[in-house]
Amino acid sequence: MRDVTETTKSDRLSFKEMCAKFDVTPRTLRYYEYIELLEPEKEGRTRWYTPREVARMTLIMRGRRFGFSLEELRQWLLIYDEQGSEAQNRIWVQNATNQLAKLDEQIADLREARDELEALRDQVKAQLGED
């Protein structure tokens, strides 16, 4: 029986597989490595991504979708490495609350812009005699 922390070669993804799985460019993946979001195993010039790195990439992609900066995500992932999941989750709740407020503000701004655009369109349509 193998140790659950031990990674076998079949558990790992190649660089190309990782790009395909997350639909990112090689440049993006290399950049995430450069800024220490990911730490693939290296065999010569070949990079291998373990389940840990796949999980981290999943969190990164989700965080980006929610509007978090890469630095915010890097710091959040670092908390897990240094302090564990409870501390990470506490920070996550704080960060999520802050991000929700930002998103609500963006939604309000977009609604206002949409309403202004619609009113202007309707005004111009009326001037043109169109309904």
Protein backbone atom coordinates (compact mmCIF):
# COMPACT_ATOMS: atom_id res chain seq x y z
CA MET A 1 0.00 0.00 0.00
CA ARG A 2 1.42 3.37 -0.97
CA ASP A 3 1.52 6.43 1.24
CA VAL A 4 -1.40 8.75 0.44
CA THR A 5 0.99 11.70 0.17
CA GLU A 6 3.12 9.88 -2.39
CA THR A 7 2.47 10.88 -5.98
CA THR A 8 2.72 8.37 -8.78
CA LYS A 9 3.52 9.29 -12.35
CA SER A 10 -0.06 8.52 -13.35
CA ASP A 11 -1.31 11.13 -10.84
CA ARG A 12 0.62 13.90 -12.56
CA LEU A 13 -0.22 16.09 -15.53
CA SER A 14 2.28 17.27 -18.10
CA PHE A 15 2.67 20.95 -18.93
CA LYS A 16 0.58 20.48 -22.08
CA GLU A 17 -2.13 18.54 -20.21
CA MET A 18 -2.29 21.22 -17.53
CA CYS A 19 -2.74 23.96 -20.16
CA ALA A 20 -5.51 21.95 -21.83
CA LYS A 21 -7.27 21.06 -18.57
CA PHE A 22 -7.54 24.70 -17.50
CA ASP A 23 -7.71 26.25 -20.98
CA VAL A 24 -4.74 28.53 -20.32
CA THR A 25 -1.79 29.45 -22.49
CA PRO A 26 1.70 28.12 -21.82
CA ARG A 27 2.71 31.70 -21.05
CA THR A 28 0.04 31.93 -18.32
CA LEU A 29 1.12 28.66 -16.74
CA ARG A 30 4.80 29.68 -16.78
CA TYR A 31 3.86 33.06 -15.26
CA TYR A 32 1.92 31.40 -12.44
CA GLU A 33 5.00 29.34 -11.74
CA TYR A 34 7.23 32.43 -11.90
CA ILE A 35 5.14 34.29 -9.29
CA GLU A 36 5.11 31.16 -7.12
CA LEU A 37 1.44 30.28 -7.40
CA LEU A 38 2.42 26.85 -8.70
CA GLU A 39 5.42 24.65 -8.00
CA PRO A 40 5.48 21.76 -10.46
CA GLU A 41 7.87 18.88 -10.07
CA LYS A 42 10.72 19.10 -12.54
CA GLU A 43 12.55 16.28 -14.24
CA GLY A 44 15.17 17.93 -16.38
CA ARG A 45 13.26 20.47 -18.45
CA THR A 46 9.95 18.65 -18.05
CA ARG A 47 7.34 19.99 -15.64
CA TRP A 48 4.87 17.69 -13.90
CA TYR A 49 1.81 18.94 -12.05
CA THR A 50 0.71 16.92 -9.04
CA PRO A 51 -2.82 16.75 -7.63
CA ARG A 52 -1.75 19.52 -5.22
CA GLU A 53 -0.91 21.80 -8.13
CA VAL A 54 -4.13 20.88 -9.93
CA ALA A 55 -6.09 21.81 -6.78
CA ARG A 56 -4.18 25.09 -6.48
CA MET A 57 -4.84 25.88 -10.15
CA THR A 58 -8.54 25.15 -9.63
CA LEU A 59 -8.58 27.67 -6.77
CA ILE A 60 -6.62 30.21 -8.83
CA MET A 61 -9.01 29.95 -11.76
CA ARG A 62 -12.03 30.23 -9.48
CA GLY A 63 -10.47 33.20 -7.68
CA ARG A 64 -9.74 34.96 -10.97
CA ARG A 65 -13.36 34.42 -12.03
CA PHE A 66 -14.47 36.09 -8.81
CA GLY A 67 -12.18 39.07 -9.50
CA PHE A 68 -9.36 38.43 -7.04
CA SER A 69 -5.91 39.65 -8.01
CA LEU A 70 -3.09 37.17 -8.48
CA GLU A 71 -1.30 38.70 -5.49
CA GLU A 72 -4.38 38.20 -3.30
CA LEU A 73 -4.53 34.58 -4.43
CA ARG A 74 -0.81 34.08 -3.85
CA GLN A 75 -1.08 35.43 -0.32
CA TRP A 76 -4.14 33.30 0.37
CA LEU A 77 -2.43 30.12 -0.84
CA LEU A 78 0.64 31.00 1.24
CA ILE A 79 -1.51 31.19 4.38
CA TYR A 80 -2.49 27.55 3.86
CA ASP A 81 1.16 26.53 3.56
CA GLU A 82 2.20 28.50 6.64
CA GLN A 83 -0.83 28.39 8.95
CA GLY A 84 -3.18 25.67 7.72
CA SER A 85 -6.70 25.50 6.42
CA GLU A 86 -8.53 27.15 9.35
CA ALA A 87 -6.49 30.36 9.06
CA GLN A 88 -6.86 30.20 5.28
CA ASN A 89 -10.64 29.82 5.56
CA ARG A 90 -10.90 32.77 7.96
CA ILE A 91 -9.01 34.99 5.51
CA TRP A 92 -11.12 33.60 2.67
CA VAL A 93 -14.32 34.73 4.41
CA GLN A 94 -12.89 38.24 4.89
CA ASN A 95 -11.65 38.43 1.31
CA ALA A 96 -14.94 37.08 -0.06
CA THR A 97 -16.91 39.68 1.91
CA ASN A 98 -14.71 42.47 0.54
CA GLN A 99 -14.94 41.12 -3.00
CA LEU A 100 -18.73 40.80 -2.79
CA ALA A 101 -18.91 44.50 -1.90
CA LYS A 102 -16.73 45.36 -4.92
CA LEU A 103 -18.87 43.20 -7.21
CA ASP A 104 -22.06 44.81 -5.88
CA GLU A 105 -20.59 48.23 -6.66
CA GLN A 106 -19.63 47.11 -10.18
CA ILE A 107 -23.14 45.71 -10.73
CA ALA A 108 -24.69 49.00 -9.62
CA ASP A 109 -22.35 50.93 -11.95
CA LEU A 110 -23.20 48.64 -14.86
CA ARG A 111 -26.94 48.94 -14.23
CA GLU A 112 -26.63 52.72 -14.17
CA ALA A 113 -24.61 52.73 -17.41
CA ARG A 114 -27.10 50.35 -19.03
CA ASP A 115 -30.06 52.51 -18.00
CA GLU A 116 -28.34 55.65 -19.37
CA LEU A 117 -27.54 53.89 -22.65
CA GLU A 118 -31.09 52.61 -23.00
CA ALA A 119 -32.54 56.08 -22.32
CA LEU A 120 -30.22 57.69 -24.86
CA ARG A 121 -31.05 55.03 -27.45
CA ASP A 122 -34.78 55.54 -26.88
CA GLN A 123 -34.36 59.32 -27.17
CA VAL A 124 -32.51 59.03 -30.49
CA LYS A 125 -35.04 56.48 -31.79
CA ALA A 126 -37.87 58.90 -30.92
CA GLN A 127 -36.08 61.73 -32.75
CA LEU A 128 -35.81 59.47 -35.77
CA GLY A 129 -39.48 58.65 -35.53
CA GLU A 130 -38.84 54.99 -34.88
CA ASP A 131 -40.60 52.89 -32.26
